[in-house]
Amino acid sequence: MPNKHVTLFAVLLISFSCFSQQLYLELGTTISSFDYENSQGQPLDNLLSISKTYYGMGYRQSINPNKTLFLSLGATYNNYGAIGSENSVDNFFQWDVSYLGLKAGMSIQLFQLRDLYFFANVSVSPEIMVRGNQTINSSVFNLVGNEEFNNTIVFFRGGLEMQYPVSKYAAISAVYNYGKTTLANSGSTQEKLGLNAHQFGIGFIINLPNCNCDF
């Protein structure tokens, strides 16, 4: 992961935390798949999903008096992958890529069941590739900086979250999100490539000293 990207996101998070009510941490599993079309508009058959890890951190702040609507901003580190084959030419393909992103989102409380809080959320996340390999048969290609591959993507996500307070200062959460990128041209060719991802994670929410939060 390039140091300049890490430094930039660290500065952003520290700056925003000075004004925020809560910090959050999140980690989990991403089950990703690739949408691919060649220059003739034909999809690549036999593409299979791969499970990878993801991480996120940032802040969130309520924007209404009842504290049922929250805005959030944070950094993400996502790993995606897929494997596939092209039987007509006897080829094997595998992608293994990592993206660093800036995530902006909104969540709304749906209902409360005793100490359990249920939320729906939406987010958008521009992401830049920081590591990536493509394997074709026995050959491995570095994708970072390769103009024939999408090194910058935008993910749109939506999902559900269940939150449980463990004290007046912290809560744990279980999160599910589904996201996808738009199908975009890859480099100067007519090939198109997009990503789909299911994410299952656990999170930790911490109240800052200036937060008048009761979860």
N, C-alpha and C. Protein backbone atom coordinates (compact mmCIF):
# COMPACT_ATOMS: atom_id res chain seq x y z
N MET A 1 0.85 -1.19 0.00
CA MET A 1 0.00 0.00 0.00
C MET A 1 0.89 1.25 0.00
N PRO A 2 0.79 2.13 -0.96
CA PRO A 2 1.65 3.29 -1.02
C PRO A 2 1.52 4.15 0.21
N ASN A 3 2.70 4.62 0.73
CA ASN A 3 2.70 5.41 1.96
C ASN A 3 1.94 6.70 1.81
N LYS A 4 1.99 7.33 0.60
CA LYS A 4 1.32 8.61 0.42
C LYS A 4 -0.19 8.48 0.56
N HIS A 5 -0.77 7.34 0.12
CA HIS A 5 -2.22 7.13 0.27
C HIS A 5 -2.58 6.92 1.73
N VAL A 6 -1.76 6.13 2.45
CA VAL A 6 -2.02 5.88 3.87
C VAL A 6 -1.97 7.18 4.65
N THR A 7 -0.95 8.01 4.37
CA THR A 7 -0.81 9.28 5.07
C THR A 7 -2.00 10.20 4.81
N LEU A 8 -2.44 10.27 3.55
CA LEU A 8 -3.57 11.12 3.19
C LEU A 8 -4.83 10.73 3.95
N PHE A 9 -5.15 9.43 3.97
CA PHE A 9 -6.38 8.99 4.63
C PHE A 9 -6.26 9.14 6.15
N ALA A 10 -5.05 8.94 6.69
CA ALA A 10 -4.88 9.12 8.14
C ALA A 10 -5.13 10.56 8.54
N VAL A 11 -4.62 11.51 7.74
CA VAL A 11 -4.85 12.93 8.02
C VAL A 11 -6.33 13.27 7.93
N LEU A 12 -7.03 12.73 6.90
CA LEU A 12 -8.46 12.99 6.76
C LEU A 12 -9.24 12.47 7.95
N LEU A 13 -8.93 11.26 8.39
CA LEU A 13 -9.67 10.67 9.49
C LEU A 13 -9.43 11.41 10.79
N ILE A 14 -8.17 11.81 11.04
CA ILE A 14 -7.87 12.56 12.26
C ILE A 14 -8.59 13.91 12.26
N SER A 15 -8.60 14.56 11.09
CA SER A 15 -9.26 15.86 10.97
C SER A 15 -10.75 15.75 11.23
N PHE A 16 -11.40 14.75 10.62
CA PHE A 16 -12.85 14.61 10.78
C PHE A 16 -13.22 14.16 12.20
N SER A 17 -12.34 13.37 12.84
CA SER A 17 -12.67 12.86 14.17
C SER A 17 -12.77 14.00 15.18
N CYS A 18 -12.12 15.13 14.89
CA CYS A 18 -12.19 16.26 15.81
C CYS A 18 -13.61 16.82 15.91
N PHE A 19 -14.43 16.58 14.89
CA PHE A 19 -15.77 17.13 14.86
C PHE A 19 -16.85 16.05 14.94
N SER A 20 -16.45 14.82 15.03
CA SER A 20 -17.43 13.74 14.94
C SER A 20 -17.93 13.32 16.30
N GLN A 21 -18.96 12.51 16.28
CA GLN A 21 -19.50 11.98 17.52
C GLN A 21 -19.00 10.57 17.80
N GLN A 22 -18.83 9.78 16.77
CA GLN A 22 -18.46 8.38 16.95
C GLN A 22 -17.40 7.97 15.94
N LEU A 23 -16.52 7.08 16.36
CA LEU A 23 -15.59 6.42 15.46
C LEU A 23 -16.07 4.99 15.23
N TYR A 24 -15.78 4.44 14.05
CA TYR A 24 -16.14 3.06 13.80
C TYR A 24 -14.98 2.32 13.16
N LEU A 25 -14.93 1.03 13.44
CA LEU A 25 -13.99 0.09 12.81
C LEU A 25 -14.81 -1.06 12.27
N GLU A 26 -14.41 -1.60 11.13
CA GLU A 26 -15.17 -2.69 10.52
C GLU A 26 -14.22 -3.62 9.78
N LEU A 27 -14.48 -4.92 9.88
CA LEU A 27 -13.70 -5.90 9.15
C LEU A 27 -14.59 -7.08 8.83
N GLY A 28 -14.23 -7.79 7.75
CA GLY A 28 -15.07 -8.92 7.36
C GLY A 28 -14.61 -9.56 6.08
N THR A 29 -15.55 -10.23 5.43
CA THR A 29 -15.28 -11.01 4.23
C THR A 29 -16.02 -10.43 3.03
N THR A 30 -15.34 -10.33 1.92
CA THR A 30 -15.93 -9.92 0.65
C THR A 30 -16.00 -11.11 -0.29
N ILE A 31 -17.19 -11.40 -0.80
CA ILE A 31 -17.35 -12.43 -1.84
C ILE A 31 -17.60 -11.68 -3.14
N SER A 32 -16.61 -11.67 -4.01
CA SER A 32 -16.65 -10.81 -5.19
C SER A 32 -16.74 -11.63 -6.47
N SER A 33 -17.26 -10.97 -7.50
CA SER A 33 -17.31 -11.56 -8.83
C SER A 33 -17.10 -10.46 -9.85
N PHE A 34 -16.62 -10.83 -11.03
CA PHE A 34 -16.33 -9.87 -12.09
C PHE A 34 -17.36 -10.01 -13.20
N ASP A 35 -17.83 -8.88 -13.71
CA ASP A 35 -18.61 -8.84 -14.94
C ASP A 35 -17.65 -8.46 -16.07
N TYR A 36 -17.52 -9.33 -17.06
CA TYR A 36 -16.55 -9.08 -18.13
C TYR A 36 -17.22 -9.29 -19.49
N GLU A 37 -16.96 -8.36 -20.39
CA GLU A 37 -17.39 -8.49 -21.78
C GLU A 37 -16.21 -8.21 -22.68
N ASN A 38 -16.01 -9.07 -23.69
CA ASN A 38 -14.91 -8.84 -24.62
C ASN A 38 -15.31 -7.78 -25.65
N SER A 39 -14.43 -7.53 -26.61
CA SER A 39 -14.68 -6.46 -27.58
C SER A 39 -15.87 -6.73 -28.47
N GLN A 40 -16.35 -8.00 -28.50
CA GLN A 40 -17.56 -8.35 -29.26
C GLN A 40 -18.82 -8.30 -28.41
N GLY A 41 -18.67 -7.88 -27.15
CA GLY A 41 -19.81 -7.80 -26.25
C GLY A 41 -20.23 -9.12 -25.66
N GLN A 42 -19.35 -10.13 -25.73
CA GLN A 42 -19.66 -11.45 -25.20
C GLN A 42 -19.08 -11.60 -23.80
N PRO A 43 -19.86 -12.13 -22.85
CA PRO A 43 -19.34 -12.31 -21.48
C PRO A 43 -18.39 -13.50 -21.42
N LEU A 44 -17.55 -13.49 -20.39
CA LEU A 44 -16.66 -14.62 -20.14
C LEU A 44 -17.39 -15.63 -19.26
N ASP A 45 -17.58 -16.83 -19.79
CA ASP A 45 -18.28 -17.87 -19.04
C ASP A 45 -17.36 -18.47 -17.97
N ASN A 46 -18.00 -19.20 -17.06
CA ASN A 46 -17.28 -19.96 -16.04
C ASN A 46 -16.46 -19.08 -15.09
N LEU A 47 -16.95 -17.88 -14.78
CA LEU A 47 -16.31 -17.05 -13.77
C LEU A 47 -16.86 -17.41 -12.39
N LEU A 48 -15.98 -17.65 -11.43
CA LEU A 48 -16.37 -18.04 -10.09
C LEU A 48 -15.91 -16.99 -9.09
N SER A 49 -16.70 -16.84 -8.02
CA SER A 49 -16.38 -15.87 -6.98
C SER A 49 -15.27 -16.38 -6.08
N ILE A 50 -14.57 -15.45 -5.43
CA ILE A 50 -13.53 -15.75 -4.45
C ILE A 50 -13.79 -14.92 -3.21
N SER A 51 -13.56 -15.50 -2.03
CA SER A 51 -13.71 -14.78 -0.76
C SER A 51 -12.40 -14.10 -0.39
N LYS A 52 -12.50 -12.82 -0.02
CA LYS A 52 -11.35 -12.03 0.40
C LYS A 52 -11.73 -11.23 1.64
N THR A 53 -10.76 -10.56 2.24
CA THR A 53 -11.02 -9.74 3.42
C THR A 53 -11.18 -8.27 3.05
N TYR A 54 -11.85 -7.53 3.93
CA TYR A 54 -11.94 -6.08 3.78
C TYR A 54 -11.84 -5.42 5.15
N TYR A 55 -11.43 -4.15 5.16
CA TYR A 55 -11.28 -3.38 6.39
C TYR A 55 -11.83 -1.98 6.16
N GLY A 56 -12.36 -1.38 7.21
CA GLY A 56 -12.84 -0.02 7.11
C GLY A 56 -12.74 0.70 8.45
N MET A 57 -12.57 1.99 8.39
CA MET A 57 -12.57 2.81 9.61
C MET A 57 -12.98 4.23 9.24
N GLY A 58 -13.52 4.95 10.23
CA GLY A 58 -13.93 6.32 9.95
C GLY A 58 -14.76 6.89 11.07
N TYR A 59 -15.63 7.82 10.74
CA TYR A 59 -16.47 8.44 11.75
C TYR A 59 -17.91 8.50 11.24
N ARG A 60 -18.81 8.67 12.16
CA ARG A 60 -20.21 8.92 11.80
C ARG A 60 -20.80 9.90 12.78
N GLN A 61 -21.82 10.62 12.32
CA GLN A 61 -22.43 11.65 13.14
C GLN A 61 -23.92 11.71 12.84
N SER A 62 -24.72 11.82 13.90
CA SER A 62 -26.16 11.95 13.72
C SER A 62 -26.48 13.34 13.19
N ILE A 63 -27.53 13.41 12.37
CA ILE A 63 -27.90 14.69 11.76
C ILE A 63 -29.35 15.07 12.06
N ASN A 64 -29.97 14.36 13.01
CA ASN A 64 -31.32 14.75 13.43
C ASN A 64 -31.43 14.62 14.94
N PRO A 65 -32.36 15.32 15.57
CA PRO A 65 -32.45 15.33 17.04
C PRO A 65 -32.69 13.94 17.64
N ASN A 66 -33.42 13.08 16.95
CA ASN A 66 -33.73 11.75 17.48
C ASN A 66 -32.59 10.76 17.31
N LYS A 67 -31.51 11.18 16.64
CA LYS A 67 -30.34 10.33 16.42
C LYS A 67 -30.72 9.02 15.72
N THR A 68 -31.54 9.14 14.69
CA THR A 68 -31.92 7.97 13.89
C THR A 68 -31.37 8.04 12.47
N LEU A 69 -30.74 9.16 12.12
CA LEU A 69 -30.18 9.34 10.79
C LEU A 69 -28.72 9.75 10.94
N PHE A 70 -27.81 9.02 10.28
CA PHE A 70 -26.38 9.24 10.46
C PHE A 70 -25.70 9.42 9.11
N LEU A 71 -24.70 10.30 9.09
CA LEU A 71 -23.78 10.41 7.99
C LEU A 71 -22.44 9.85 8.42
N SER A 72 -21.71 9.25 7.50
CA SER A 72 -20.41 8.67 7.83
C SER A 72 -19.41 8.95 6.72
N LEU A 73 -18.15 8.98 7.11
CA LEU A 73 -17.05 9.17 6.17
C LEU A 73 -15.85 8.39 6.68
N GLY A 74 -15.23 7.62 5.80
CA GLY A 74 -14.11 6.81 6.24
C GLY A 74 -13.27 6.28 5.11
N ALA A 75 -12.28 5.48 5.47
CA ALA A 75 -11.38 4.86 4.52
C ALA A 75 -11.63 3.36 4.50
N THR A 76 -11.43 2.74 3.34
CA THR A 76 -11.62 1.31 3.20
C THR A 76 -10.42 0.69 2.50
N TYR A 77 -10.18 -0.57 2.81
CA TYR A 77 -9.18 -1.37 2.09
C TYR A 77 -9.86 -2.68 1.71
N ASN A 78 -10.12 -2.84 0.43
CA ASN A 78 -10.91 -3.97 -0.07
C ASN A 78 -10.08 -4.87 -0.97
N ASN A 79 -10.26 -6.17 -0.79
CA ASN A 79 -9.63 -7.16 -1.64
C ASN A 79 -10.70 -7.88 -2.46
N TYR A 80 -10.48 -8.00 -3.76
CA TYR A 80 -11.42 -8.66 -4.66
C TYR A 80 -10.70 -9.72 -5.48
N GLY A 81 -11.47 -10.72 -5.90
CA GLY A 81 -10.85 -11.76 -6.73
C GLY A 81 -11.89 -12.57 -7.47
N ALA A 82 -11.44 -13.26 -8.49
CA ALA A 82 -12.30 -14.15 -9.27
C ALA A 82 -11.40 -15.10 -10.05
N ILE A 83 -11.96 -16.25 -10.38
CA ILE A 83 -11.26 -17.21 -11.25
C ILE A 83 -12.22 -17.63 -12.35
N GLY A 84 -11.66 -18.04 -13.47
CA GLY A 84 -12.51 -18.43 -14.59
C GLY A 84 -11.71 -19.14 -15.66
N SER A 85 -12.40 -19.53 -16.70
CA SER A 85 -11.74 -20.23 -17.80
C SER A 85 -12.49 -19.94 -19.09
N GLU A 86 -11.79 -20.08 -20.19
CA GLU A 86 -12.35 -19.94 -21.53
C GLU A 86 -12.11 -21.26 -22.25
N ASN A 87 -13.15 -22.10 -22.26
CA ASN A 87 -12.98 -23.45 -22.78
C ASN A 87 -12.59 -23.48 -24.25
N SER A 88 -13.05 -22.49 -25.01
CA SER A 88 -12.80 -22.51 -26.45
C SER A 88 -11.32 -22.38 -26.79
N VAL A 89 -10.56 -21.70 -25.91
CA VAL A 89 -9.12 -21.54 -26.17
C VAL A 89 -8.29 -22.19 -25.06
N ASP A 90 -8.94 -22.94 -24.17
CA ASP A 90 -8.25 -23.68 -23.12
C ASP A 90 -7.40 -22.76 -22.26
N ASN A 91 -8.00 -21.65 -21.80
CA ASN A 91 -7.29 -20.70 -20.95
C ASN A 91 -7.86 -20.70 -19.54
N PHE A 92 -6.99 -20.42 -18.56
CA PHE A 92 -7.38 -20.26 -17.16
C PHE A 92 -7.06 -18.82 -16.75
N PHE A 93 -8.02 -18.17 -16.05
CA PHE A 93 -7.84 -16.79 -15.63
C PHE A 93 -8.01 -16.69 -14.12
N GLN A 94 -7.27 -15.79 -13.51
CA GLN A 94 -7.47 -15.48 -12.10
C GLN A 94 -7.09 -14.02 -11.85
N TRP A 95 -7.96 -13.31 -11.08
CA TRP A 95 -7.68 -11.94 -10.69
C TRP A 95 -7.58 -11.86 -9.17
N ASP A 96 -6.60 -11.12 -8.69
CA ASP A 96 -6.41 -10.89 -7.27
C ASP A 96 -5.98 -9.43 -7.10
N VAL A 97 -6.91 -8.57 -6.65
CA VAL A 97 -6.67 -7.13 -6.63
C VAL A 97 -7.05 -6.53 -5.28
N SER A 98 -6.41 -5.41 -4.94
CA SER A 98 -6.70 -4.68 -3.71
C SER A 98 -6.89 -3.21 -4.03
N TYR A 99 -7.91 -2.60 -3.41
CA TYR A 99 -8.23 -1.19 -3.66
C TYR A 99 -8.31 -0.43 -2.34
N LEU A 100 -7.77 0.77 -2.33
CA LEU A 100 -7.91 1.69 -1.22
C LEU A 100 -8.97 2.72 -1.59
N GLY A 101 -9.92 2.95 -0.67
CA GLY A 101 -11.05 3.81 -1.03
C GLY A 101 -11.42 4.82 0.03
N LEU A 102 -12.17 5.81 -0.38
CA LEU A 102 -12.78 6.80 0.51
C LEU A 102 -14.29 6.59 0.44
N LYS A 103 -14.92 6.31 1.58
CA LYS A 103 -16.32 5.90 1.61
C LYS A 103 -17.18 6.94 2.31
N ALA A 104 -18.23 7.40 1.63
CA ALA A 104 -19.20 8.31 2.22
C ALA A 104 -20.56 7.61 2.24
N GLY A 105 -21.24 7.64 3.38
CA GLY A 105 -22.48 6.90 3.49
C GLY A 105 -23.52 7.56 4.37
N MET A 106 -24.71 7.00 4.32
CA MET A 106 -25.83 7.44 5.15
C MET A 106 -26.56 6.20 5.66
N SER A 107 -26.95 6.24 6.93
CA SER A 107 -27.72 5.13 7.51
C SER A 107 -28.91 5.69 8.27
N ILE A 108 -30.00 4.91 8.26
CA ILE A 108 -31.22 5.31 8.95
C ILE A 108 -31.70 4.16 9.81
N GLN A 109 -32.09 4.48 11.04
CA GLN A 109 -32.60 3.45 11.94
C GLN A 109 -33.99 3.02 11.51
N LEU A 110 -34.16 1.72 11.31
CA LEU A 110 -35.45 1.18 10.90
C LEU A 110 -36.35 0.93 12.10
N PHE A 111 -35.80 0.25 13.10
CA PHE A 111 -36.57 -0.01 14.31
C PHE A 111 -35.62 -0.47 15.41
N GLN A 112 -36.15 -0.54 16.64
CA GLN A 112 -35.39 -0.99 17.79
C GLN A 112 -36.13 -2.12 18.46
N LEU A 113 -35.40 -3.18 18.81
CA LEU A 113 -35.96 -4.33 19.51
C LEU A 113 -35.15 -4.53 20.78
N ARG A 114 -35.67 -4.03 21.89
CA ARG A 114 -34.95 -3.98 23.15
C ARG A 114 -33.63 -3.23 22.94
N ASP A 115 -32.48 -3.91 23.15
CA ASP A 115 -31.20 -3.24 22.98
C ASP A 115 -30.60 -3.41 21.59
N LEU A 116 -31.36 -3.99 20.69
CA LEU A 116 -30.88 -4.17 19.32
C LEU A 116 -31.43 -3.05 18.43
N TYR A 117 -30.53 -2.45 17.65
CA TYR A 117 -30.91 -1.38 16.73
C TYR A 117 -30.67 -1.87 15.31
N PHE A 118 -31.62 -1.65 14.43
CA PHE A 118 -31.52 -2.13 13.05
C PHE A 118 -31.50 -0.91 12.11
N PHE A 119 -30.52 -0.92 11.20
CA PHE A 119 -30.31 0.20 10.29
C PHE A 119 -30.29 -0.28 8.84
N ALA A 120 -30.69 0.59 7.93
CA ALA A 120 -30.44 0.42 6.50
C ALA A 120 -29.42 1.48 6.10
N ASN A 121 -28.54 1.14 5.15
CA ASN A 121 -27.51 2.09 4.78
C ASN A 121 -27.23 2.07 3.28
N VAL A 122 -26.75 3.19 2.78
CA VAL A 122 -26.29 3.33 1.40
C VAL A 122 -24.96 4.07 1.44
N SER A 123 -24.11 3.82 0.44
CA SER A 123 -22.81 4.50 0.41
C SER A 123 -22.27 4.53 -1.01
N VAL A 124 -21.32 5.43 -1.22
CA VAL A 124 -20.57 5.49 -2.48
C VAL A 124 -19.10 5.55 -2.11
N SER A 125 -18.27 4.85 -2.91
CA SER A 125 -16.86 4.73 -2.55
C SER A 125 -15.99 4.75 -3.79
N PRO A 126 -15.29 5.86 -4.07
CA PRO A 126 -14.26 5.84 -5.11
C PRO A 126 -13.04 5.08 -4.59
N GLU A 127 -12.50 4.19 -5.39
CA GLU A 127 -11.40 3.35 -4.95
C GLU A 127 -10.30 3.32 -6.01
N ILE A 128 -9.05 3.25 -5.54
CA ILE A 128 -7.90 3.18 -6.44
C ILE A 128 -7.10 1.92 -6.15
N MET A 129 -6.68 1.25 -7.21
CA MET A 129 -5.94 0.00 -7.06
C MET A 129 -4.55 0.26 -6.48
N VAL A 130 -4.21 -0.50 -5.45
CA VAL A 130 -2.87 -0.40 -4.85
C VAL A 130 -2.08 -1.68 -5.02
N ARG A 131 -2.75 -2.76 -5.40
CA ARG A 131 -2.08 -4.03 -5.66
C ARG A 131 -2.98 -4.85 -6.57
N GLY A 132 -2.41 -5.53 -7.56
CA GLY A 132 -3.25 -6.33 -8.44
C GLY A 132 -2.45 -7.24 -9.35
N ASN A 133 -2.92 -8.48 -9.46
CA ASN A 133 -2.30 -9.46 -10.34
C ASN A 133 -3.36 -10.16 -11.17
N GLN A 134 -3.02 -10.44 -12.40
CA GLN A 134 -3.86 -11.26 -13.27
C GLN A 134 -3.04 -12.45 -13.72
N THR A 135 -3.61 -13.65 -13.54
CA THR A 135 -2.94 -14.87 -13.97
C THR A 135 -3.67 -15.45 -15.18
N ILE A 136 -2.94 -15.68 -16.25
CA ILE A 136 -3.47 -16.34 -17.43
C ILE A 136 -2.63 -17.59 -17.66
N ASN A 137 -3.24 -18.73 -17.42
CA ASN A 137 -2.51 -20.00 -17.42
C ASN A 137 -1.37 -19.91 -16.41
N SER A 138 -0.12 -19.99 -16.83
CA SER A 138 1.01 -19.95 -15.90
C SER A 138 1.70 -18.59 -15.87
N SER A 139 1.14 -17.60 -16.56
CA SER A 139 1.75 -16.26 -16.62
C SER A 139 1.04 -15.31 -15.67
N VAL A 140 1.81 -14.53 -14.93
CA VAL A 140 1.27 -13.57 -13.97
C VAL A 140 1.62 -12.15 -14.44
N PHE A 141 0.59 -11.25 -14.44
CA PHE A 141 0.77 -9.89 -14.91
C PHE A 141 0.40 -8.91 -13.80
N ASN A 142 1.24 -7.89 -13.64
CA ASN A 142 0.97 -6.83 -12.67
C ASN A 142 -0.02 -5.84 -13.28
N LEU A 143 -1.13 -5.58 -12.58
CA LEU A 143 -2.18 -4.73 -13.11
C LEU A 143 -2.09 -3.28 -12.67
N VAL A 144 -1.27 -2.98 -11.68
CA VAL A 144 -1.17 -1.60 -11.18
C VAL A 144 -0.54 -0.72 -12.26
N GLY A 145 -1.25 0.33 -12.65
CA GLY A 145 -0.77 1.22 -13.69
C GLY A 145 -0.99 0.73 -15.09
N ASN A 146 -1.61 -0.45 -15.24
CA ASN A 146 -1.87 -1.01 -16.56
C ASN A 146 -3.10 -0.32 -17.16
N GLU A 147 -2.93 0.38 -18.28
CA GLU A 147 -4.03 1.14 -18.87
C GLU A 147 -5.13 0.25 -19.42
N GLU A 148 -4.88 -1.03 -19.58
CA GLU A 148 -5.91 -1.94 -20.08
C GLU A 148 -6.80 -2.46 -18.95
N PHE A 149 -6.54 -2.03 -17.71
CA PHE A 149 -7.34 -2.48 -16.57
C PHE A 149 -7.82 -1.26 -15.81
N ASN A 150 -9.00 -1.36 -15.17
CA ASN A 150 -9.57 -0.24 -14.42
C ASN A 150 -8.84 -0.06 -13.10
N ASN A 151 -7.91 0.90 -13.03
CA ASN A 151 -7.18 1.15 -11.79
C ASN A 151 -7.95 2.03 -10.83
N THR A 152 -9.00 2.72 -11.31
CA THR A 152 -9.86 3.53 -10.46
C THR A 152 -11.31 3.13 -10.71
N ILE A 153 -12.04 2.81 -9.63
CA ILE A 153 -13.43 2.38 -9.75
C ILE A 153 -14.28 3.15 -8.75
N VAL A 154 -15.60 3.12 -8.94
CA VAL A 154 -16.54 3.71 -8.00
C VAL A 154 -17.55 2.64 -7.62
N PHE A 155 -17.63 2.34 -6.33
CA PHE A 155 -18.56 1.33 -5.82
C PHE A 155 -19.79 2.01 -5.23
N PHE A 156 -20.97 1.49 -5.56
CA PHE A 156 -22.23 1.89 -4.95
C PHE A 156 -22.73 0.71 -4.12
N ARG A 157 -23.01 0.97 -2.83
CA ARG A 157 -23.37 -0.12 -1.92
C ARG A 157 -24.65 0.20 -1.15
N GLY A 158 -25.34 -0.85 -0.75
CA GLY A 158 -26.50 -0.74 0.11
C GLY A 158 -26.58 -1.98 0.98
N GLY A 159 -27.16 -1.84 2.17
CA GLY A 159 -27.21 -3.01 3.04
C GLY A 159 -27.95 -2.77 4.34
N LEU A 160 -27.74 -3.69 5.27
CA LEU A 160 -28.39 -3.69 6.58
C LEU A 160 -27.35 -3.83 7.67
N GLU A 161 -27.66 -3.27 8.84
CA GLU A 161 -26.75 -3.35 9.97
C GLU A 161 -27.54 -3.56 11.25
N MET A 162 -27.03 -4.44 12.11
CA MET A 162 -27.61 -4.65 13.43
C MET A 162 -26.59 -4.22 14.47
N GLN A 163 -27.02 -3.41 15.43
CA GLN A 163 -26.10 -2.80 16.38
C GLN A 163 -26.54 -3.12 17.81
N TYR A 164 -25.55 -3.47 18.66
CA TYR A 164 -25.85 -3.82 20.06
C TYR A 164 -24.86 -3.11 20.97
N PRO A 165 -25.34 -2.28 21.91
CA PRO A 165 -24.43 -1.58 22.82
C PRO A 165 -23.89 -2.52 23.90
N VAL A 166 -22.57 -2.46 24.12
CA VAL A 166 -21.95 -3.26 25.18
C VAL A 166 -21.66 -2.39 26.41
N SER A 167 -21.71 -1.09 26.24
CA SER A 167 -21.58 -0.14 27.34
C SER A 167 -22.09 1.21 26.83
N LYS A 168 -22.03 2.24 27.67
CA LYS A 168 -22.46 3.55 27.20
C LYS A 168 -21.41 4.21 26.32
N TYR A 169 -20.26 3.56 26.18
CA TYR A 169 -19.17 4.11 25.37
C TYR A 169 -18.95 3.36 24.06
N ALA A 170 -19.49 2.16 23.92
CA ALA A 170 -19.15 1.36 22.73
C ALA A 170 -20.29 0.41 22.38
N ALA A 171 -20.31 0.01 21.12
CA ALA A 171 -21.29 -0.95 20.61
C ALA A 171 -20.61 -1.83 19.58
N ILE A 172 -21.18 -3.02 19.38
CA ILE A 172 -20.72 -3.91 18.32
C ILE A 172 -21.83 -4.01 17.28
N SER A 173 -21.46 -4.37 16.06
CA SER A 173 -22.46 -4.44 15.00
C SER A 173 -22.16 -5.59 14.06
N ALA A 174 -23.21 -6.07 13.41
CA ALA A 174 -23.10 -7.04 12.33
C ALA A 174 -23.61 -6.37 11.07
N VAL A 175 -22.86 -6.50 9.98
CA VAL A 175 -23.13 -5.70 8.78
C VAL A 175 -23.19 -6.60 7.54
N TYR A 176 -24.16 -6.32 6.68
CA TYR A 176 -24.18 -6.92 5.34
C TYR A 176 -24.37 -5.81 4.31
N ASN A 177 -23.54 -5.84 3.26
CA ASN A 177 -23.67 -4.88 2.17
C ASN A 177 -23.52 -5.59 0.83
N TYR A 178 -24.27 -5.12 -0.14
CA TYR A 178 -24.07 -5.55 -1.53
C TYR A 178 -23.69 -4.33 -2.35
N GLY A 179 -22.68 -4.48 -3.18
CA GLY A 179 -22.25 -3.36 -3.99
C GLY A 179 -21.84 -3.78 -5.38
N LYS A 180 -21.81 -2.80 -6.28
CA LYS A 180 -21.36 -3.07 -7.64
C LYS A 180 -20.81 -1.79 -8.25
N THR A 181 -19.93 -1.99 -9.22
CA THR A 181 -19.44 -0.88 -10.01
C THR A 181 -20.18 -0.88 -11.33
N THR A 182 -20.13 0.25 -12.00
CA THR A 182 -20.69 0.29 -13.35
C THR A 182 -19.76 -0.45 -14.30
N LEU A 183 -20.31 -1.00 -15.35
CA LEU A 183 -19.52 -1.71 -16.35
C LEU A 183 -18.84 -0.67 -17.23
N ALA A 184 -17.50 -0.61 -17.15
CA ALA A 184 -16.74 0.45 -17.82
C ALA A 184 -15.75 -0.14 -18.81
N ASN A 185 -15.44 0.66 -19.84
CA ASN A 185 -14.43 0.25 -20.80
C ASN A 185 -13.09 0.09 -20.12
N SER A 186 -12.37 -0.96 -20.50
CA SER A 186 -11.06 -1.23 -19.93
C SER A 186 -9.98 -0.71 -20.87
N GLY A 187 -9.33 0.40 -20.47
CA GLY A 187 -8.26 0.94 -21.28
C GLY A 187 -8.76 1.44 -22.62
N SER A 188 -7.93 1.24 -23.65
CA SER A 188 -8.25 1.73 -24.99
C SER A 188 -9.02 0.71 -25.81
N THR A 189 -9.29 -0.46 -25.25
CA THR A 189 -10.00 -1.50 -25.98
C THR A 189 -11.49 -1.35 -25.77
N GLN A 190 -12.26 -2.19 -26.46
CA GLN A 190 -13.71 -2.20 -26.30
C GLN A 190 -14.16 -3.20 -25.23
N GLU A 191 -13.21 -3.78 -24.50
CA GLU A 191 -13.56 -4.69 -23.42
C GLU A 191 -14.20 -3.92 -22.27
N LYS A 192 -15.12 -4.56 -21.55
CA LYS A 192 -15.79 -3.93 -20.43
C LYS A 192 -15.63 -4.80 -19.19
N LEU A 193 -15.45 -4.14 -18.05
CA LEU A 193 -15.20 -4.86 -16.82
C LEU A 193 -15.90 -4.17 -15.66
N GLY A 194 -16.59 -4.94 -14.82
CA GLY A 194 -17.24 -4.42 -13.63
C GLY A 194 -17.06 -5.40 -12.48
N LEU A 195 -17.35 -4.94 -11.26
CA LEU A 195 -17.21 -5.76 -10.07
C LEU A 195 -18.52 -5.80 -9.29
N ASN A 196 -18.84 -6.98 -8.74
CA ASN A 196 -19.95 -7.14 -7.80
C ASN A 196 -19.37 -7.70 -6.51
N ALA A 197 -19.92 -7.29 -5.37
CA ALA A 197 -19.36 -7.76 -4.10
C ALA A 197 -20.42 -7.84 -3.01
N HIS A 198 -20.46 -8.98 -2.33
CA HIS A 198 -21.22 -9.14 -1.10
C HIS A 198 -20.24 -9.03 0.06
N GLN A 199 -20.57 -8.23 1.07
CA GLN A 199 -19.69 -8.07 2.21
C GLN A 199 -20.42 -8.41 3.51
N PHE A 200 -19.78 -9.27 4.31
CA PHE A 200 -20.30 -9.66 5.62
C PHE A 200 -19.24 -9.28 6.65
N GLY A 201 -19.61 -8.46 7.62
CA GLY A 201 -18.60 -8.00 8.55
C GLY A 201 -19.11 -7.78 9.96
N ILE A 202 -18.17 -7.53 10.85
CA ILE A 202 -18.48 -7.12 12.22
C ILE A 202 -17.84 -5.75 12.44
N GLY A 203 -18.47 -4.96 13.28
CA GLY A 203 -17.97 -3.61 13.50
C GLY A 203 -17.94 -3.24 14.96
N PHE A 204 -17.20 -2.19 15.25
CA PHE A 204 -17.08 -1.64 16.60
C PHE A 204 -17.29 -0.13 16.50
N ILE A 205 -18.19 0.40 17.31
CA ILE A 205 -18.51 1.82 17.32
C ILE A 205 -18.14 2.38 18.68
N ILE A 206 -17.37 3.47 18.68
CA ILE A 206 -16.86 4.05 19.92
C ILE A 206 -17.32 5.50 20.03
N ASN A 207 -17.93 5.83 21.15
CA ASN A 207 -18.34 7.21 21.39
C ASN A 207 -17.13 8.08 21.75
N LEU A 208 -17.06 9.25 21.12
CA LEU A 208 -16.03 10.20 21.50
C LEU A 208 -16.47 10.97 22.74
N PRO A 209 -15.52 11.61 23.43
CA PRO A 209 -15.89 12.30 24.69
C PRO A 209 -16.99 13.35 24.54
N ASN A 210 -17.06 13.98 23.37
CA ASN A 210 -18.09 15.03 23.18
C ASN A 210 -19.39 14.48 22.65
N CYS A 211 -19.53 13.15 22.61
CA CYS A 211 -20.72 12.54 22.04
C CYS A 211 -21.78 12.30 23.11
N ASN A 212 -22.95 12.88 22.89
CA ASN A 212 -24.08 12.64 23.77
C ASN A 212 -24.93 11.52 23.13
N CYS A 213 -24.37 10.30 23.16
CA CYS A 213 -24.97 9.18 22.46
C CYS A 213 -25.38 8.09 23.45
N ASP A 214 -26.53 7.52 23.23
CA ASP A 214 -27.00 6.43 24.09
C ASP A 214 -27.28 5.17 23.30
N PHE A 215 -26.89 5.16 22.01
CA PHE A 215 -27.13 4.03 21.11
C PHE A 215 -28.62 3.70 21.07
